[in-house]
């Protein structure tokens, strides 16, 4: 059954136990599928390991969604918001495991989506979900390429690639305190611009 944003919210918060249970099961399947697809593209772990990691990411994402339902803005689709929660949690899990990798990303414009790790998955079976992913990617690329300063953009991409603040400071040629300020400003601008364009994304 296809649901719009209002129907998702109504079902997830329904006073009828069977309706609420069905809605959360449907959402959990979507969340798990997105987590699996995301991790498969970015981890060398075998399939059984991927599924275990995806289960962990999905459970954490569902908890975040549950706790954030009352604050959810209806300016975007609930599935778009849920997708962003899954991506943020999966990205954080992978970043913790890769923080020490000796790799510096290129900062070419056409690599922004790659560095932000939100490239749409061609294996996603849900056309609506895939369309939402692609729209989010295009919007993020546009904001980063046109609304951030060069240094904000460099700091944000390096941070998303898993590098520590001292490493970024060395790479960019500035102090750690300045990196903190640049990163804060970049995230704030990105989040604001995404919301202005109808994406209620909790961008970390």
C-alpha atoms as a PDB file:
ATOM      1  CA  UNK A   1       0.000   0.000   0.000  1.00  0.00           C
ATOM      2  CA  UNK A   2       1.377   3.366  -1.032  1.00  0.00           C
ATOM      3  CA  UNK A   3       1.201   6.119   1.577  1.00  0.00           C
ATOM      4  CA  UNK A   4       1.689   9.838   1.306  1.00  0.00           C
ATOM      5  CA  UNK A   5       3.371  11.791   4.088  1.00  0.00           C
ATOM      6  CA  UNK A   6       0.168  12.393   6.054  1.00  0.00           C
ATOM      7  CA  UNK A   7      -0.827   8.736   5.837  1.00  0.00           C
ATOM      8  CA  UNK A   8       2.605   7.587   7.001  1.00  0.00           C
ATOM      9  CA  UNK A   9       2.401   9.842  10.042  1.00  0.00           C
ATOM     10  CA  UNK A  10      -1.158   8.788  10.817  1.00  0.00           C
ATOM     11  CA  UNK A  11      -0.352   5.080  10.556  1.00  0.00           C
ATOM     12  CA  UNK A  12       2.913   5.237  12.487  1.00  0.00           C
ATOM     13  CA  UNK A  13       1.170   7.071  15.327  1.00  0.00           C
ATOM     14  CA  UNK A  14      -2.173   5.287  15.080  1.00  0.00           C
ATOM     15  CA  UNK A  15      -4.105   4.300  18.198  1.00  0.00           C
ATOM     16  CA  UNK A  16      -5.018   1.057  16.447  1.00  0.00           C
ATOM     17  CA  UNK A  17      -2.234  -1.430  17.292  1.00  0.00           C
ATOM     18  CA  UNK A  18      -2.534  -3.451  14.084  1.00  0.00           C
ATOM     19  CA  UNK A  19      -2.322  -0.316  11.901  1.00  0.00           C
ATOM     20  CA  UNK A  20       0.700   1.031  13.766  1.00  0.00           C
ATOM     21  CA  UNK A  21       2.470  -2.346  13.715  1.00  0.00           C
ATOM     22  CA  UNK A  22       1.939  -2.745   9.974  1.00  0.00           C
ATOM     23  CA  UNK A  23       3.240   0.762   9.265  1.00  0.00           C
ATOM     24  CA  UNK A  24       6.410   0.250  11.304  1.00  0.00           C
ATOM     25  CA  UNK A  25       7.020  -3.119   9.638  1.00  0.00           C
ATOM     26  CA  UNK A  26       6.640  -1.508   6.208  1.00  0.00           C
ATOM     27  CA  UNK A  27       8.996   1.311   7.145  1.00  0.00           C
ATOM     28  CA  UNK A  28      11.520  -1.094   8.668  1.00  0.00           C
ATOM     29  CA  UNK A  29      11.684  -3.024   5.384  1.00  0.00           C
ATOM     30  CA  UNK A  30      12.391   0.181   3.477  1.00  0.00           C
ATOM     31  CA  UNK A  31      15.011   1.279   6.007  1.00  0.00           C
ATOM     32  CA  UNK A  32      16.752  -2.120   5.994  1.00  0.00           C
ATOM     33  CA  UNK A  33      16.797  -2.236   2.171  1.00  0.00           C
ATOM     34  CA  UNK A  34      18.353   1.230   1.958  1.00  0.00           C
ATOM     35  CA  UNK A  35      20.932   0.349   4.633  1.00  0.00           C
ATOM     36  CA  UNK A  36      21.911  -2.857   2.790  1.00  0.00           C
ATOM     37  CA  UNK A  37      22.257  -1.096  -0.567  1.00  0.00           C
ATOM     38  CA  UNK A  38      24.276   1.718   0.964  1.00  0.00           C
ATOM     39  CA  UNK A  39      26.670  -0.557   2.843  1.00  0.00           C
ATOM     40  CA  UNK A  40      27.147  -2.909  -0.108  1.00  0.00           C
ATOM     41  CA  UNK A  41      28.549  -0.031  -2.165  1.00  0.00           C
ATOM     42  CA  UNK A  42      30.958   1.086   0.532  1.00  0.00           C
ATOM     43  CA  UNK A  43      32.121  -1.919   2.528  1.00  0.00           C
ATOM     44  CA  UNK A  44      34.341  -4.929   1.776  1.00  0.00           C
ATOM     45  CA  UNK A  45      32.402  -7.033   4.300  1.00  0.00           C
ATOM     46  CA  UNK A  46      30.770 -10.243   3.023  1.00  0.00           C
ATOM     47  CA  UNK A  47      27.019 -10.468   2.485  1.00  0.00           C
ATOM     48  CA  UNK A  48      26.208 -11.913   5.897  1.00  0.00           C
ATOM     49  CA  UNK A  49      28.319  -9.205   7.521  1.00  0.00           C
ATOM     50  CA  UNK A  50      26.603  -6.529   5.424  1.00  0.00           C
ATOM     51  CA  UNK A  51      23.196  -7.738   6.548  1.00  0.00           C
ATOM     52  CA  UNK A  52      24.233  -7.662  10.197  1.00  0.00           C
ATOM     53  CA  UNK A  53      25.606  -4.140   9.851  1.00  0.00           C
ATOM     54  CA  UNK A  54      22.477  -3.099   7.962  1.00  0.00           C
ATOM     55  CA  UNK A  55      20.309  -4.504  10.754  1.00  0.00           C
ATOM     56  CA  UNK A  56      22.225  -2.447  13.304  1.00  0.00           C
ATOM     57  CA  UNK A  57      21.961   0.695  11.172  1.00  0.00           C
ATOM     58  CA  UNK A  58      18.258   0.085  10.530  1.00  0.00           C
ATOM     59  CA  UNK A  59      17.454  -0.378  14.216  1.00  0.00           C
ATOM     60  CA  UNK A  60      19.274   2.808  15.136  1.00  0.00           C
ATOM     61  CA  UNK A  61      17.583   4.686  12.295  1.00  0.00           C
ATOM     62  CA  UNK A  62      14.133   3.475  13.328  1.00  0.00           C
ATOM     63  CA  UNK A  63      14.802   4.632  16.884  1.00  0.00           C
ATOM     64  CA  UNK A  64      15.849   8.052  15.579  1.00  0.00           C
ATOM     65  CA  UNK A  65      12.742   8.236  13.396  1.00  0.00           C
ATOM     66  CA  UNK A  66      10.490   7.226  16.285  1.00  0.00           C
ATOM     67  CA  UNK A  67      12.021   9.877  18.545  1.00  0.00           C
ATOM     68  CA  UNK A  68      11.825  12.533  15.834  1.00  0.00           C
ATOM     69  CA  UNK A  69       8.281  12.014  14.543  1.00  0.00           C
ATOM     70  CA  UNK A  70       6.847  14.853  16.607  1.00  0.00           C
ATOM     71  CA  UNK A  71       9.461  17.236  15.181  1.00  0.00           C
ATOM     72  CA  UNK A  72       9.182  16.052  11.586  1.00  0.00           C
ATOM     73  CA  UNK A  73       8.340  18.832   9.145  1.00  0.00           C
ATOM     74  CA  UNK A  74       5.797  17.945   6.479  1.00  0.00           C
ATOM     75  CA  UNK A  75       7.635  20.078   3.933  1.00  0.00           C
ATOM     76  CA  UNK A  76       9.212  16.880   2.560  1.00  0.00           C
ATOM     77  CA  UNK A  77       8.185  13.239   2.202  1.00  0.00           C
ATOM     78  CA  UNK A  78       8.603  11.042   5.257  1.00  0.00           C
ATOM     79  CA  UNK A  79      10.446   8.433   3.200  1.00  0.00           C
ATOM     80  CA  UNK A  80      12.943  11.093   2.078  1.00  0.00           C
ATOM     81  CA  UNK A  81      13.568  12.013   5.696  1.00  0.00           C
ATOM     82  CA  UNK A  82      13.852   8.334   6.682  1.00  0.00           C
ATOM     83  CA  UNK A  83      16.361   7.780   3.874  1.00  0.00           C
ATOM     84  CA  UNK A  84      18.518  10.652   5.137  1.00  0.00           C
ATOM     85  CA  UNK A  85      18.449   9.229   8.677  1.00  0.00           C
ATOM     86  CA  UNK A  86      19.637   5.827   7.408  1.00  0.00           C
ATOM     87  CA  UNK A  87      22.410   7.399   5.328  1.00  0.00           C
ATOM     88  CA  UNK A  88      23.631   9.531   8.237  1.00  0.00           C
ATOM     89  CA  UNK A  89      23.768   6.536  10.576  1.00  0.00           C
ATOM     90  CA  UNK A  90      25.472   4.270   8.026  1.00  0.00           C
ATOM     91  CA  UNK A  91      27.950   6.991   7.084  1.00  0.00           C
ATOM     92  CA  UNK A  92      28.858   7.528  10.719  1.00  0.00           C
ATOM     93  CA  UNK A  93      29.388   3.794  11.234  1.00  0.00           C
ATOM     94  CA  UNK A  94      31.694   3.548   8.213  1.00  0.00           C
ATOM     95  CA  UNK A  95      33.550   6.762   9.043  1.00  0.00           C
ATOM     96  CA  UNK A  96      34.480   5.427  12.479  1.00  0.00           C
ATOM     97  CA  UNK A  97      36.040   2.413  10.811  1.00  0.00           C
ATOM     98  CA  UNK A  98      37.900   4.407   8.148  1.00  0.00           C
ATOM     99  CA  UNK A  99      39.070   7.479  10.035  1.00  0.00           C
ATOM    100  CA  UNK A 100      42.714   6.455   9.854  1.00  0.00           C
ATOM    101  CA  UNK A 101      42.855   5.634   6.135  1.00  0.00           C
ATOM    102  CA  UNK A 102      45.676   7.612   4.409  1.00  0.00           C
ATOM    103  CA  UNK A 103      43.507   9.031   1.623  1.00  0.00           C
ATOM    104  CA  UNK A 104      42.876  12.588   0.475  1.00  0.00           C
ATOM    105  CA  UNK A 105      39.828  13.087  -1.739  1.00  0.00           C
ATOM    106  CA  UNK A 106      39.821  15.134  -4.890  1.00  0.00           C
ATOM    107  CA  UNK A 107      37.713  18.256  -4.669  1.00  0.00           C
ATOM    108  CA  UNK A 108      36.491  18.311  -8.278  1.00  0.00           C
ATOM    109  CA  UNK A 109      32.896  19.482  -8.696  1.00  0.00           C
ATOM    110  CA  UNK A 110      31.728  16.229 -10.275  1.00  0.00           C
ATOM    111  CA  UNK A 111      32.879  14.244  -7.226  1.00  0.00           C
ATOM    112  CA  UNK A 112      30.802  16.035  -4.597  1.00  0.00           C
ATOM    113  CA  UNK A 113      28.091  13.380  -4.462  1.00  0.00           C
ATOM    114  CA  UNK A 114      30.701  10.641  -4.148  1.00  0.00           C
ATOM    115  CA  UNK A 115      32.432  12.384  -1.269  1.00  0.00           C
ATOM    116  CA  UNK A 116      29.118  12.915   0.489  1.00  0.00           C
ATOM    117  CA  UNK A 117      28.339   9.210  -0.006  1.00  0.00           C
ATOM    118  CA  UNK A 118      24.762   9.656  -1.170  1.00  0.00           C
ATOM    119  CA  UNK A 119      24.961   8.389  -4.752  1.00  0.00           C
ATOM    120  CA  UNK A 120      21.626   6.855  -5.796  1.00  0.00           C
ATOM    121  CA  UNK A 121      21.568   3.066  -5.904  1.00  0.00           C
ATOM    122  CA  UNK A 122      20.642   1.608  -9.317  1.00  0.00           C
ATOM    123  CA  UNK A 123      19.527  -1.600  -7.574  1.00  0.00           C
ATOM    124  CA  UNK A 124      16.785   0.109  -5.566  1.00  0.00           C
ATOM    125  CA  UNK A 125      13.526  -1.477  -6.678  1.00  0.00           C
ATOM    126  CA  UNK A 126      11.161   1.199  -5.416  1.00  0.00           C
ATOM    127  CA  UNK A 127      10.880   3.811  -8.233  1.00  0.00           C
ATOM    128  CA  UNK A 128       9.571   6.475  -5.852  1.00  0.00           C
ATOM    129  CA  UNK A 129      12.430   5.948  -3.406  1.00  0.00           C
ATOM    130  CA  UNK A 130      15.009   5.959  -6.192  1.00  0.00           C
ATOM    131  CA  UNK A 131      13.566   9.200  -7.564  1.00  0.00           C
ATOM    132  CA  UNK A 132      13.806  10.763  -4.108  1.00  0.00           C
ATOM    133  CA  UNK A 133      17.451   9.660  -3.805  1.00  0.00           C
ATOM    134  CA  UNK A 134      18.324  11.143  -7.179  1.00  0.00           C
ATOM    135  CA  UNK A 135      16.563  14.409  -6.401  1.00  0.00           C
ATOM    136  CA  UNK A 136      18.384  14.691  -3.073  1.00  0.00           C
ATOM    137  CA  UNK A 137      21.746  14.057  -4.760  1.00  0.00           C
ATOM    138  CA  UNK A 138      21.111  16.763  -7.365  1.00  0.00           C
ATOM    139  CA  UNK A 139      20.066  19.244  -4.708  1.00  0.00           C
ATOM    140  CA  UNK A 140      23.074  18.545  -2.475  1.00  0.00           C
ATOM    141  CA  UNK A 141      25.452  18.896  -5.417  1.00  0.00           C
ATOM    142  CA  UNK A 142      23.891  22.194  -6.410  1.00  0.00           C
ATOM    143  CA  UNK A 143      24.078  23.600  -2.881  1.00  0.00           C
ATOM    144  CA  UNK A 144      27.692  22.539  -2.347  1.00  0.00           C
ATOM    145  CA  UNK A 145      28.841  23.800  -5.721  1.00  0.00           C
ATOM    146  CA  UNK A 146      27.002  27.130  -5.623  1.00  0.00           C
ATOM    147  CA  UNK A 147      26.240  28.082  -2.020  1.00  0.00           C
ATOM    148  CA  UNK A 148      29.390  27.172  -0.068  1.00  0.00           C
ATOM    149  CA  UNK A 149      32.716  28.953  -0.161  1.00  0.00           C
ATOM    150  CA  UNK A 150      35.700  27.070  -1.553  1.00  0.00           C
ATOM    151  CA  UNK A 151      37.144  26.490   1.925  1.00  0.00           C
ATOM    152  CA  UNK A 152      33.793  25.462   3.402  1.00  0.00           C
ATOM    153  CA  UNK A 153      33.361  22.981   0.588  1.00  0.00           C
ATOM    154  CA  UNK A 154      36.872  21.554   1.005  1.00  0.00           C
ATOM    155  CA  UNK A 155      36.466  21.117   4.761  1.00  0.00           C
ATOM    156  CA  UNK A 156      33.035  19.494   4.426  1.00  0.00           C
ATOM    157  CA  UNK A 157      34.137  16.983   1.777  1.00  0.00           C
ATOM    158  CA  UNK A 158      37.284  16.014   3.666  1.00  0.00           C
ATOM    159  CA  UNK A 159      35.279  15.556   6.850  1.00  0.00           C
ATOM    160  CA  UNK A 160      32.716  13.375   5.081  1.00  0.00           C
ATOM    161  CA  UNK A 161      35.567  11.301   3.651  1.00  0.00           C
ATOM    162  CA  UNK A 162      36.460  10.357   7.235  1.00  0.00           C
ATOM    163  CA  UNK A 163      39.412  12.599   8.054  1.00  0.00           C
ATOM    164  CA  UNK A 164      40.054  14.069  11.467  1.00  0.00           C
ATOM    165  CA  UNK A 165      39.979  17.793  12.158  1.00  0.00           C
ATOM    166  CA  UNK A 166      43.783  18.023  12.604  1.00  0.00           C
ATOM    167  CA  UNK A 167      44.274  16.229   9.260  1.00  0.00           C
ATOM    168  CA  UNK A 168      41.868  18.626   7.567  1.00  0.00           C
ATOM    169  CA  UNK A 169      43.637  21.616   9.102  1.00  0.00           C
ATOM    170  CA  UNK A 170      46.944  20.386   7.652  1.00  0.00           C
ATOM    171  CA  UNK A 171      45.417  19.690   4.254  1.00  0.00           C
ATOM    172  CA  UNK A 172      43.637  23.038   3.965  1.00  0.00           C
ATOM    173  CA  UNK A 173      46.449  25.017   5.571  1.00  0.00           C
ATOM    174  CA  UNK A 174      44.644  26.492   8.544  1.00  0.00           C
ATOM    175  CA  UNK A 175      44.107  25.942  12.280  1.00  0.00           C
ATOM    176  CA  UNK A 176      41.851  23.360  13.870  1.00  0.00           C
ATOM    177  CA  UNK A 177      39.693  26.101  15.372  1.00  0.00           C
ATOM    178  CA  UNK A 178      39.152  27.560  11.932  1.00  0.00           C
ATOM    179  CA  UNK A 179      38.249  24.111  10.602  1.00  0.00           C
ATOM    180  CA  UNK A 180      35.611  23.853  13.347  1.00  0.00           C
ATOM    181  CA  UNK A 181      34.137  27.184  12.289  1.00  0.00           C
ATOM    182  CA  UNK A 182      34.219  26.347   8.579  1.00  0.00           C
ATOM    183  CA  UNK A 183      32.600  22.964   9.137  1.00  0.00           C
ATOM    184  CA  UNK A 184      29.870  24.435  11.322  1.00  0.00           C
ATOM    185  CA  UNK A 185      29.118  27.132   8.751  1.00  0.00           C
ATOM    186  CA  UNK A 186      29.074  24.618   5.870  1.00  0.00           C
ATOM    187  CA  UNK A 187      26.690  22.220   7.620  1.00  0.00           C
ATOM    188  CA  UNK A 188      24.416  25.042   8.711  1.00  0.00           C
ATOM    189  CA  UNK A 189      24.216  26.471   5.191  1.00  0.00           C
ATOM    190  CA  UNK A 190      23.684  23.030   3.633  1.00  0.00           C
ATOM    191  CA  UNK A 191      20.906  22.146   6.073  1.00  0.00           C
ATOM    192  CA  UNK A 192      19.204  25.519   5.577  1.00  0.00           C
ATOM    193  CA  UNK A 193      19.382  25.334   1.787  1.00  0.00           C
ATOM    194  CA  UNK A 194      18.048  21.759   1.722  1.00  0.00           C
ATOM    195  CA  UNK A 195      15.102  22.704   3.909  1.00  0.00           C
ATOM    196  CA  UNK A 196      14.400  25.736   1.746  1.00  0.00           C
ATOM    197  CA  UNK A 197      14.188  23.350  -1.207  1.00  0.00           C
ATOM    198  CA  UNK A 198      11.731  21.028   0.565  1.00  0.00           C
ATOM    199  CA  UNK A 199      14.102  18.431   2.012  1.00  0.00           C
ATOM    200  CA  UNK A 200      13.694  17.965   5.767  1.00  0.00           C
ATOM    201  CA  UNK A 201      17.160  16.448   6.167  1.00  0.00           C
ATOM    202  CA  UNK A 202      18.847  16.005   9.521  1.00  0.00           C
ATOM    203  CA  UNK A 203      22.296  16.517   8.049  1.00  0.00           C
ATOM    204  CA  UNK A 204      25.094  15.638  10.512  1.00  0.00           C
END
